[in-house]
PDB file of N, CA and C in Angstrom:
ATOM      1  N   MET A   1      14.006  25.930 -11.411  1.00  0.00           N
ATOM      2  CA  MET A   1      15.262  25.669 -10.728  1.00  0.00           C
ATOM      3  C   MET A   1      16.141  25.116 -11.797  1.00  0.00           C
ATOM      4  N   GLU A   2      17.418  25.687 -11.802  1.00  0.00           N
ATOM      5  CA  GLU A   2      18.454  25.235 -12.648  1.00  0.00           C
ATOM      6  C   GLU A   2      18.992  23.996 -12.235  1.00  0.00           C
ATOM      7  N   LYS A   3      19.746  23.243 -13.260  1.00  0.00           N
ATOM      8  CA  LYS A   3      20.393  22.191 -13.073  1.00  0.00           C
ATOM      9  C   LYS A   3      21.467  22.314 -11.929  1.00  0.00           C
ATOM     10  N   GLU A   4      22.168  23.298 -11.928  1.00  0.00           N
ATOM     11  CA  GLU A   4      23.367  23.466 -11.093  1.00  0.00           C
ATOM     12  C   GLU A   4      22.828  23.702  -9.613  1.00  0.00           C
ATOM     13  N   GLU A   5      21.742  24.456  -9.494  1.00  0.00           N
ATOM     14  CA  GLU A   5      21.038  24.619  -8.224  1.00  0.00           C
ATOM     15  C   GLU A   5      20.612  23.328  -7.631  1.00  0.00           C
ATOM     16  N   ILE A   6      19.912  22.450  -8.494  1.00  0.00           N
ATOM     17  CA  ILE A   6      19.475  21.101  -8.044  1.00  0.00           C
ATOM     18  C   ILE A   6      20.571  20.323  -7.572  1.00  0.00           C
ATOM     19  N   LEU A   7      21.724  20.249  -8.373  1.00  0.00           N
ATOM     20  CA  LEU A   7      22.804  19.541  -7.992  1.00  0.00           C
ATOM     21  C   LEU A   7      23.543  19.977  -6.647  1.00  0.00           C
ATOM     22  N   LYS A   8      23.572  21.266  -6.524  1.00  0.00           N
ATOM     23  CA  LYS A   8      24.145  21.833  -5.242  1.00  0.00           C
ATOM     24  C   LYS A   8      23.182  21.411  -4.032  1.00  0.00           C
ATOM     25  N   ARG A   9      21.913  21.482  -4.246  1.00  0.00           N
ATOM     26  CA  ARG A   9      21.048  21.063  -3.154  1.00  0.00           C
ATOM     27  C   ARG A   9      21.260  19.600  -2.810  1.00  0.00           C
ATOM     28  N   TYR A  10      21.489  18.840  -3.812  1.00  0.00           N
ATOM     29  CA  TYR A  10      21.460  17.424  -3.606  1.00  0.00           C
ATOM     30  C   TYR A  10      22.729  17.072  -2.832  1.00  0.00           C
ATOM     31  N   ARG A  11      23.806  17.716  -3.201  1.00  0.00           N
ATOM     32  CA  ARG A  11      25.166  17.500  -2.607  1.00  0.00           C
ATOM     33  C   ARG A  11      25.123  17.959  -1.137  1.00  0.00           C
ATOM     34  N   LYS A  12      24.354  18.936  -0.831  1.00  0.00           N
ATOM     35  CA  LYS A  12      24.235  19.568   0.351  1.00  0.00           C
ATOM     36  C   LYS A  12      23.517  18.619   1.453  1.00  0.00           C
ATOM     37  N   THR A  13      22.332  18.130   0.874  1.00  0.00           N
ATOM     38  CA  THR A  13      21.435  17.359   1.699  1.00  0.00           C
ATOM     39  C   THR A  13      21.755  15.826   1.586  1.00  0.00           C
ATOM     40  N   GLY A  14      22.290  15.419   0.497  1.00  0.00           N
ATOM     41  CA  GLY A  14      22.495  13.954   0.251  1.00  0.00           C
ATOM     42  C   GLY A  14      21.254  13.194  -0.123  1.00  0.00           C
ATOM     43  N   GLU A  15      20.162  13.798  -0.352  1.00  0.00           N
ATOM     44  CA  GLU A  15      18.870  13.275  -0.570  1.00  0.00           C
ATOM     45  C   GLU A  15      18.380  13.436  -2.078  1.00  0.00           C
ATOM     46  N   ASP A  16      17.973  12.372  -2.675  1.00  0.00           N
ATOM     47  CA  ASP A  16      17.702  12.364  -3.945  1.00  0.00           C
ATOM     48  C   ASP A  16      16.014  12.658  -4.103  1.00  0.00           C
ATOM     49  N   GLU A  17      15.589  13.818  -4.366  1.00  0.00           N
ATOM     50  CA  GLU A  17      14.189  14.070  -4.306  1.00  0.00           C
ATOM     51  C   GLU A  17      13.390  13.222  -5.220  1.00  0.00           C
ATOM     52  N   GLY A  18      13.947  12.916  -6.381  1.00  0.00           N
ATOM     53  CA  GLY A  18      13.174  12.007  -7.225  1.00  0.00           C
ATOM     54  C   GLY A  18      13.042  10.591  -6.900  1.00  0.00           C
ATOM     55  N   LYS A  19      13.956  10.092  -6.248  1.00  0.00           N
ATOM     56  CA  LYS A  19      13.969   8.727  -5.625  1.00  0.00           C
ATOM     57  C   LYS A  19      13.031   8.768  -4.387  1.00  0.00           C
ATOM     58  N   THR A  20      12.872   9.736  -3.538  1.00  0.00           N
ATOM     59  CA  THR A  20      12.049   9.964  -2.469  1.00  0.00           C
ATOM     60  C   THR A  20      10.621  10.092  -2.977  1.00  0.00           C
ATOM     61  N   ASP A  21      10.451  10.825  -4.042  1.00  0.00           N
ATOM     62  CA  ASP A  21       9.036  10.838  -4.656  1.00  0.00           C
ATOM     63  C   ASP A  21       8.693   9.460  -5.214  1.00  0.00           C
ATOM     64  N   VAL A  22       9.578   8.776  -5.860  1.00  0.00           N
ATOM     65  CA  VAL A  22       9.165   7.534  -6.360  1.00  0.00           C
ATOM     66  C   VAL A  22       8.728   6.598  -5.138  1.00  0.00           C
ATOM     67  N   ASN A  23       9.599   6.568  -4.130  1.00  0.00           N
ATOM     68  CA  ASN A  23       9.226   5.750  -3.036  1.00  0.00           C
ATOM     69  C   ASN A  23       7.981   6.043  -2.287  1.00  0.00           C
ATOM     70  N   THR A  24       7.608   7.406  -2.230  1.00  0.00           N
ATOM     71  CA  THR A  24       6.458   7.728  -1.584  1.00  0.00           C
ATOM     72  C   THR A  24       5.181   7.435  -2.448  1.00  0.00           C
ATOM     73  N   GLN A  25       5.292   7.514  -3.815  1.00  0.00           N
ATOM     74  CA  GLN A  25       4.208   7.088  -4.700  1.00  0.00           C
ATOM     75  C   GLN A  25       4.082   5.654  -4.715  1.00  0.00           C
ATOM     76  N   SER A  26       5.079   4.851  -4.635  1.00  0.00           N
ATOM     77  CA  SER A  26       5.063   3.428  -4.659  1.00  0.00           C
ATOM     78  C   SER A  26       4.417   2.975  -3.406  1.00  0.00           C
ATOM     79  N   ASP A  27       4.716   3.580  -2.213  1.00  0.00           N
ATOM     80  CA  ASP A  27       4.110   3.213  -0.945  1.00  0.00           C
ATOM     81  C   ASP A  27       2.668   3.506  -0.925  1.00  0.00           C
ATOM     82  N   LEU A  28       2.309   4.599  -1.458  1.00  0.00           N
ATOM     83  CA  LEU A  28       0.823   5.048  -1.652  1.00  0.00           C
ATOM     84  C   LEU A  28       0.044   3.990  -2.483  1.00  0.00           C
ATOM     85  N   GLN A  29       0.646   3.594  -3.730  1.00  0.00           N
ATOM     86  CA  GLN A  29      -0.101   2.771  -4.617  1.00  0.00           C
ATOM     87  C   GLN A  29      -0.206   1.304  -3.830  1.00  0.00           C
ATOM     88  N   GLY A  30       1.002   0.928  -3.146  1.00  0.00           N
ATOM     89  CA  GLY A  30       0.867  -0.361  -2.431  1.00  0.00           C
ATOM     90  C   GLY A  30      -0.165  -0.263  -1.392  1.00  0.00           C
ATOM     91  N   PHE A  31      -0.304   0.821  -0.676  1.00  0.00           N
ATOM     92  CA  PHE A  31      -1.451   0.801   0.420  1.00  0.00           C
ATOM     93  C   PHE A  31      -2.754   0.762  -0.374  1.00  0.00           C
ATOM     94  N   TYR A  32      -2.964   1.383  -1.433  1.00  0.00           N
ATOM     95  CA  TYR A  32      -4.242   1.254  -2.288  1.00  0.00           C
ATOM     96  C   TYR A  32      -4.478  -0.240  -2.621  1.00  0.00           C
ATOM     97  N   GLY A  33      -3.533  -0.916  -2.941  1.00  0.00           N
ATOM     98  CA  GLY A  33      -3.643  -2.356  -3.367  1.00  0.00           C
ATOM     99  C   GLY A  33      -3.914  -3.057  -2.146  1.00  0.00           C
ATOM    100  N   LEU A  34      -3.240  -2.821  -1.148  1.00  0.00           N
ATOM    101  CA  LEU A  34      -3.583  -3.552   0.315  1.00  0.00           C
ATOM    102  C   LEU A  34      -4.928  -3.323   0.668  1.00  0.00           C
ATOM    103  N   SER A  35      -5.477  -2.122   0.620  1.00  0.00           N
ATOM    104  CA  SER A  35      -6.857  -1.800   1.152  1.00  0.00           C
ATOM    105  C   SER A  35      -7.826  -2.416   0.136  1.00  0.00           C
ATOM    106  N   PHE A  36      -7.678  -2.502  -1.177  1.00  0.00           N
ATOM    107  CA  PHE A  36      -8.542  -3.165  -2.001  1.00  0.00           C
ATOM    108  C   PHE A  36      -8.639  -4.683  -1.706  1.00  0.00           C
ATOM    109  N   LEU A  37      -7.520  -5.277  -1.635  1.00  0.00           N
ATOM    110  CA  LEU A  37      -7.529  -6.710  -1.373  1.00  0.00           C
ATOM    111  C   LEU A  37      -8.167  -7.009   0.045  1.00  0.00           C
ATOM    112  N   SER A  38      -7.949  -6.121   1.138  1.00  0.00           N
ATOM    113  CA  SER A  38      -8.480  -6.189   2.345  1.00  0.00           C
ATOM    114  C   SER A  38     -10.062  -6.194   2.372  1.00  0.00           C
ATOM    115  N   LEU A  39     -10.515  -5.159   1.482  1.00  0.00           N
ATOM    116  CA  LEU A  39     -11.880  -5.150   1.379  1.00  0.00           C
ATOM    117  C   LEU A  39     -12.566  -6.309   0.697  1.00  0.00           C
ATOM    118  N   LEU A  40     -11.899  -6.921  -0.264  1.00  0.00           N
ATOM    119  CA  LEU A  40     -12.339  -8.133  -0.865  1.00  0.00           C
ATOM    120  C   LEU A  40     -12.386  -9.277   0.132  1.00  0.00           C
ATOM    121  N   ILE A  41     -11.396  -9.414   1.043  1.00  0.00           N
ATOM    122  CA  ILE A  41     -11.225 -10.534   2.080  1.00  0.00           C
ATOM    123  C   ILE A  41     -12.313 -10.268   3.101  1.00  0.00           C
ATOM    124  N   MET A  42     -12.492  -8.982   3.526  1.00  0.00           N
ATOM    125  CA  MET A  42     -13.556  -8.794   4.557  1.00  0.00           C
ATOM    126  C   MET A  42     -15.006  -9.047   3.925  1.00  0.00           C
ATOM    127  N   GLY A  43     -15.178  -8.623   2.682  1.00  0.00           N
ATOM    128  CA  GLY A  43     -16.352  -8.929   2.056  1.00  0.00           C
ATOM    129  C   GLY A  43     -16.709 -10.524   2.100  1.00  0.00           C
ATOM    130  N   TYR A  44     -15.678 -11.332   1.705  1.00  0.00           N
ATOM    131  CA  TYR A  44     -15.745 -12.811   1.636  1.00  0.00           C
ATOM    132  C   TYR A  44     -16.112 -13.252   3.054  1.00  0.00           C
ATOM    133  N   GLN A  45     -15.540 -12.693   4.029  1.00  0.00           N
ATOM    134  CA  GLN A  45     -15.611 -13.147   5.444  1.00  0.00           C
ATOM    135  C   GLN A  45     -17.021 -13.029   5.920  1.00  0.00           C
ATOM    136  N   ILE A  46     -17.506 -11.746   5.515  1.00  0.00           N
ATOM    137  CA  ILE A  46     -18.859 -11.321   5.931  1.00  0.00           C
ATOM    138  C   ILE A  46     -19.959 -12.199   5.263  1.00  0.00           C
ATOM    139  N   TYR A  47     -19.689 -12.465   3.762  1.00  0.00           N
ATOM    140  CA  TYR A  47     -20.571 -13.196   2.914  1.00  0.00           C
ATOM    141  C   TYR A  47     -20.729 -14.651   3.621  1.00  0.00           C
ATOM    142  N   ARG A  48     -19.581 -15.230   3.793  1.00  0.00           N
ATOM    143  CA  ARG A  48     -19.460 -16.590   4.289  1.00  0.00           C
ATOM    144  C   ARG A  48     -19.752 -16.752   5.910  1.00  0.00           C
ATOM    145  N   GLU A  49     -20.022 -15.529   6.541  1.00  0.00           N
ATOM    146  CA  GLU A  49     -20.272 -15.595   8.016  1.00  0.00           C
ATOM    147  C   GLU A  49     -19.105 -16.106   8.782  1.00  0.00           C
ATOM    148  N   LEU A  50     -17.899 -15.846   8.344  1.00  0.00           N
ATOM    149  CA  LEU A  50     -16.811 -16.136   9.004  1.00  0.00           C
ATOM    150  C   LEU A  50     -16.311 -15.019  10.065  1.00  0.00           C
ATOM    151  N   PRO A  51     -15.520 -15.355  11.031  1.00  0.00           N
ATOM    152  CA  PRO A  51     -15.146 -14.377  11.969  1.00  0.00           C
ATOM    153  C   PRO A  51     -14.381 -13.280  11.194  1.00  0.00           C
ATOM    154  N   PHE A  52     -14.527 -12.044  11.514  1.00  0.00           N
ATOM    155  CA  PHE A  52     -13.959 -11.008  10.871  1.00  0.00           C
ATOM    156  C   PHE A  52     -13.578  -9.874  11.965  1.00  0.00           C
ATOM    157  N   GLY A  53     -12.374  -9.374  11.698  1.00  0.00           N
ATOM    158  CA  GLY A  53     -11.724  -8.389  12.652  1.00  0.00           C
ATOM    159  C   GLY A  53     -10.239  -8.330  12.561  1.00  0.00           C
ATOM    160  N   ASP A  54      -9.807  -9.510  11.945  1.00  0.00           N
ATOM    161  CA  ASP A  54      -8.256  -9.526  11.820  1.00  0.00           C
ATOM    162  C   ASP A  54      -7.717  -8.549  10.817  1.00  0.00           C
ATOM    163  N   ILE A  55      -8.412  -8.578   9.637  1.00  0.00           N
ATOM    164  CA  ILE A  55      -8.007  -7.623   8.589  1.00  0.00           C
ATOM    165  C   ILE A  55      -8.149  -6.313   8.884  1.00  0.00           C
ATOM    166  N   PRO A  56      -9.183  -5.837   9.419  1.00  0.00           N
ATOM    167  CA  PRO A  56      -9.258  -4.313   9.872  1.00  0.00           C
ATOM    168  C   PRO A  56      -8.125  -4.054  10.854  1.00  0.00           C
ATOM    169  N   ALA A  57      -7.878  -4.969  11.879  1.00  0.00           N
ATOM    170  CA  ALA A  57      -6.946  -4.658  12.804  1.00  0.00           C
ATOM    171  C   ALA A  57      -5.567  -4.400  12.148  1.00  0.00           C
ATOM    172  N   LEU A  58      -5.285  -5.207  11.202  1.00  0.00           N
ATOM    173  CA  LEU A  58      -4.062  -4.812  10.343  1.00  0.00           C
ATOM    174  C   LEU A  58      -3.883  -3.512   9.679  1.00  0.00           C
ATOM    175  N   LEU A  59      -5.053  -3.134   9.202  1.00  0.00           N
ATOM    176  CA  LEU A  59      -5.127  -1.960   8.527  1.00  0.00           C
ATOM    177  C   LEU A  59      -5.088  -0.744   9.631  1.00  0.00           C
ATOM    178  N   PHE A  60      -5.678  -0.999  10.618  1.00  0.00           N
ATOM    179  CA  PHE A  60      -5.439   0.113  11.745  1.00  0.00           C
ATOM    180  C   PHE A  60      -4.161   0.192  12.310  1.00  0.00           C
ATOM    181  N   VAL A  61      -3.544  -0.918  12.499  1.00  0.00           N
ATOM    182  CA  VAL A  61      -2.147  -0.835  13.121  1.00  0.00           C
ATOM    183  C   VAL A  61      -1.258  -0.040  12.135  1.00  0.00           C
ATOM    184  N   PHE A  62      -1.398  -0.317  10.790  1.00  0.00           N
ATOM    185  CA  PHE A  62      -0.646   0.473   9.706  1.00  0.00           C
ATOM    186  C   PHE A  62      -0.932   1.881   9.903  1.00  0.00           C
ATOM    187  N   LEU A  63      -2.195   2.308  10.056  1.00  0.00           N
ATOM    188  CA  LEU A  63      -2.481   3.712  10.192  1.00  0.00           C
ATOM    189  C   LEU A  63      -1.958   4.315  11.520  1.00  0.00           C
ATOM    190  N   SER A  64      -2.092   3.481  12.555  1.00  0.00           N
ATOM    191  CA  SER A  64      -1.642   4.013  13.964  1.00  0.00           C
ATOM    192  C   SER A  64      -0.103   4.203  13.999  1.00  0.00           C
ATOM    193  N   VAL A  65       0.752   3.169  13.380  1.00  0.00           N
ATOM    194  CA  VAL A  65       2.177   3.448  13.579  1.00  0.00           C
ATOM    195  C   VAL A  65       2.533   4.553  12.505  1.00  0.00           C
ATOM    196  N   GLY A  66       1.967   4.515  11.425  1.00  0.00           N
ATOM    197  CA  GLY A  66       2.302   5.695  10.523  1.00  0.00           C
ATOM    198  C   GLY A  66       2.014   7.106  11.157  1.00  0.00           C
ATOM    199  N   ALA A  67       0.862   7.217  11.827  1.00  0.00           N
ATOM    200  CA  ALA A  67       0.438   8.471  12.466  1.00  0.00           C
ATOM    201  C   ALA A  67       1.444   8.775  13.553  1.00  0.00           C
ATOM    202  N   PHE A  68       1.761   7.790  14.323  1.00  0.00           N
ATOM    203  CA  PHE A  68       2.852   8.015  15.374  1.00  0.00           C
ATOM    204  C   PHE A  68       4.070   8.504  14.947  1.00  0.00           C
ATOM    205  N   PHE A  69       4.518   7.898  13.955  1.00  0.00           N
ATOM    206  CA  PHE A  69       5.908   8.438  13.318  1.00  0.00           C
ATOM    207  C   PHE A  69       5.705   9.821  12.796  1.00  0.00           C
ATOM    208  N   ARG A  70       4.685  10.225  12.161  1.00  0.00           N
ATOM    209  CA  ARG A  70       4.364  11.440  11.708  1.00  0.00           C
ATOM    210  C   ARG A  70       4.296  12.502  12.838  1.00  0.00           C
ATOM    211  N   TYR A  71       3.694  12.121  13.864  1.00  0.00           N
ATOM    212  CA  TYR A  71       3.725  12.911  15.142  1.00  0.00           C
ATOM    213  C   TYR A  71       5.250  13.155  15.667  1.00  0.00           C
ATOM    214  N   LYS A  72       5.969  11.942  15.757  1.00  0.00           N
ATOM    215  CA  LYS A  72       7.345  12.183  16.292  1.00  0.00           C
ATOM    216  C   LYS A  72       8.260  13.137  15.315  1.00  0.00           C
ATOM    217  N   ALA A  73       7.858  13.035  14.090  1.00  0.00           N
ATOM    218  CA  ALA A  73       8.635  13.993  13.189  1.00  0.00           C
ATOM    219  C   ALA A  73       8.098  15.522  13.143  1.00  0.00           C
ATOM    220  N   SER A  74       6.795  15.693  13.257  1.00  0.00           N
ATOM    221  CA  SER A  74       6.213  17.022  13.122  1.00  0.00           C
ATOM    222  C   SER A  74       5.828  17.611  14.522  1.00  0.00           C
ATOM    223  N   LYS A  75       5.567  16.722  15.543  1.00  0.00           N
ATOM    224  CA  LYS A  75       4.982  17.270  16.808  1.00  0.00           C
ATOM    225  C   LYS A  75       3.659  17.849  16.680  1.00  0.00           C
ATOM    226  N   GLU A  76       2.821  17.460  15.634  1.00  0.00           N
ATOM    227  CA  GLU A  76       1.488  18.017  15.493  1.00  0.00           C
ATOM    228  C   GLU A  76       0.462  17.064  16.248  1.00  0.00           C
ATOM    229  N   ASN A  77      -0.267  17.699  17.066  1.00  0.00           N
ATOM    230  CA  ASN A  77      -1.106  16.928  17.985  1.00  0.00           C
ATOM    231  C   ASN A  77      -2.138  15.973  17.234  1.00  0.00           C
ATOM    232  N   HIS A  78      -2.592  16.541  16.026  1.00  0.00           N
ATOM    233  CA  HIS A  78      -3.583  15.716  15.331  1.00  0.00           C
ATOM    234  C   HIS A  78      -3.088  14.269  14.988  1.00  0.00           C
ATOM    235  N   TYR A  79      -1.854  14.168  14.757  1.00  0.00           N
ATOM    236  CA  TYR A  79      -1.178  12.970  14.381  1.00  0.00           C
ATOM    237  C   TYR A  79      -1.094  12.027  15.681  1.00  0.00           C
ATOM    238  N   LEU A  80      -0.921  12.562  16.773  1.00  0.00           N
ATOM    239  CA  LEU A  80      -0.901  11.869  18.130  1.00  0.00           C
ATOM    240  C   LEU A  80      -2.249  11.288  18.380  1.00  0.00           C
ATOM    241  N   TRP A  81      -3.362  12.165  18.170  1.00  0.00           N
ATOM    242  CA  TRP A  81      -4.719  11.756  18.502  1.00  0.00           C
ATOM    243  C   TRP A  81      -5.048  10.710  17.554  1.00  0.00           C
ATOM    244  N   MET A  82      -4.799  10.755  16.166  1.00  0.00           N
ATOM    245  CA  MET A  82      -5.003   9.753  15.174  1.00  0.00           C
ATOM    246  C   MET A  82      -4.364   8.442  15.587  1.00  0.00           C
ATOM    247  N   SER A  83      -3.102   8.523  16.045  1.00  0.00           N
ATOM    248  CA  SER A  83      -2.387   7.273  16.422  1.00  0.00           C
ATOM    249  C   SER A  83      -3.108   6.491  17.601  1.00  0.00           C
ATOM    250  N   ILE A  84      -3.500   7.305  18.466  1.00  0.00           N
ATOM    251  CA  ILE A  84      -4.264   6.724  19.661  1.00  0.00           C
ATOM    252  C   ILE A  84      -5.607   6.101  19.281  1.00  0.00           C
ATOM    253  N   VAL A  85      -6.435   6.966  18.556  1.00  0.00           N
ATOM    254  CA  VAL A  85      -7.780   6.376  18.170  1.00  0.00           C
ATOM    255  C   VAL A  85      -7.572   5.177  17.294  1.00  0.00           C
ATOM    256  N   THR A  86      -6.723   5.220  16.248  1.00  0.00           N
ATOM    257  CA  THR A  86      -6.537   4.025  15.386  1.00  0.00           C
ATOM    258  C   THR A  86      -5.878   2.865  16.078  1.00  0.00           C
ATOM    259  N   GLY A  87      -5.063   3.093  17.095  1.00  0.00           N
ATOM    260  CA  GLY A  87      -4.499   1.968  17.953  1.00  0.00           C
ATOM    261  C   GLY A  87      -5.496   1.501  18.817  1.00  0.00           C
ATOM    262  N   LEU A  88      -6.400   2.198  19.339  1.00  0.00           N
ATOM    263  CA  LEU A  88      -7.510   1.533  20.256  1.00  0.00           C
ATOM    264  C   LEU A  88      -8.485   0.789  19.403  1.00  0.00           C
ATOM    265  N   LEU A  89      -8.702   1.265  18.098  1.00  0.00           N
ATOM    266  CA  LEU A  89      -9.600   0.537  17.195  1.00  0.00           C
ATOM    267  C   LEU A  89      -8.981  -0.779  16.782  1.00  0.00           C
ATOM    268  N   CYS A  90      -7.585  -0.842  16.549  1.00  0.00           N
ATOM    269  CA  CYS A  90      -6.855  -1.976  16.267  1.00  0.00           C
ATOM    270  C   CYS A  90      -6.906  -3.055  17.420  1.00  0.00           C
ATOM    271  N   ILE A  91      -6.751  -2.478  18.602  1.00  0.00           N
ATOM    272  CA  ILE A  91      -6.731  -3.413  19.851  1.00  0.00           C
ATOM    273  C   ILE A  91      -8.078  -3.908  19.973  1.00  0.00           C
ATOM    274  N   SER A  92      -9.211  -3.097  19.775  1.00  0.00           N
ATOM    275  CA  SER A  92     -10.540  -3.543  19.976  1.00  0.00           C
ATOM    276  C   SER A  92     -11.037  -4.695  18.931  1.00  0.00           C
ATOM    277  N   LEU A  93     -10.590  -4.437  17.657  1.00  0.00           N
ATOM    278  CA  LEU A  93     -10.882  -5.283  16.630  1.00  0.00           C
ATOM    279  C   LEU A  93     -10.220  -6.637  16.853  1.00  0.00           C
ATOM    280  N   LEU A  94      -8.983  -6.477  17.260  1.00  0.00           N
ATOM    281  CA  LEU A  94      -8.148  -7.826  17.517  1.00  0.00           C
ATOM    282  C   LEU A  94      -8.688  -8.486  18.709  1.00  0.00           C
ATOM    283  N   VAL A  95      -9.197  -7.954  19.783  1.00  0.00           N
ATOM    284  CA  VAL A  95      -9.919  -8.704  20.906  1.00  0.00           C
ATOM    285  C   VAL A  95     -11.061  -9.235  20.377  1.00  0.00           C
ATOM    286  N   TRP A  96     -11.806  -8.446  19.622  1.00  0.00           N
ATOM    287  CA  TRP A  96     -13.198  -9.033  19.063  1.00  0.00           C
ATOM    288  C   TRP A  96     -13.027 -10.230  18.290  1.00  0.00           C
ATOM    289  N   TYR A  97     -11.981 -10.340  17.367  1.00  0.00           N
ATOM    290  CA  TYR A  97     -11.601 -11.464  16.573  1.00  0.00           C
ATOM    291  C   TYR A  97     -11.160 -12.674  17.442  1.00  0.00           C
ATOM    292  N   ILE A  98     -10.324 -12.313  18.439  1.00  0.00           N
ATOM    293  CA  ILE A  98      -9.984 -13.497  19.327  1.00  0.00           C
ATOM    294  C   ILE A  98     -11.348 -14.100  20.013  1.00  0.00           C
ATOM    295  N   ILE A  99     -12.076 -13.199  20.495  1.00  0.00           N
ATOM    296  CA  ILE A  99     -13.240 -13.694  21.081  1.00  0.00           C
ATOM    297  C   ILE A  99     -14.078 -14.478  20.172  1.00  0.00           C
ATOM    298  N   GLN A 100     -14.282 -13.967  18.959  1.00  0.00           N
ATOM    299  CA  GLN A 100     -14.983 -14.899  17.900  1.00  0.00           C
ATOM    300  C   GLN A 100     -14.377 -16.213  17.612  1.00  0.00           C
ATOM    301  N   THR A 101     -13.149 -16.297  17.771  1.00  0.00           N
ATOM    302  CA  THR A 101     -12.527 -17.512  17.354  1.00  0.00           C
ATOM    303  C   THR A 101     -12.078 -18.361  18.505  1.00  0.00           C
ATOM    304  N   TRP A 102     -12.367 -18.019  19.732  1.00  0.00           N
ATOM    305  CA  TRP A 102     -11.911 -18.735  20.796  1.00  0.00           C
ATOM    306  C   TRP A 102     -12.512 -20.168  20.880  1.00  0.00           C
TER     307      TRP A 102
END
């Protein structure tokens, strides 16, 4: 793609593809960091025999909300199903955690 074509497309859409790509990659790396720390905390909770279910519920709500907004944007049914399944897992884990700590 030539420079003029890129500039023309940018002016037309008003979207900076480079910035969008950086944001996407940053979010992905942030999720990897969140997942790694979550695994460490869950491992510690299991090792110390502490109630566990709060951290996985947070991870599943992240996946559920993300899948739901992907469904809204694309209308692809597998995103809706993923949203429902991960949402149910989130609620189940949260209820289990509350029962453990009651």
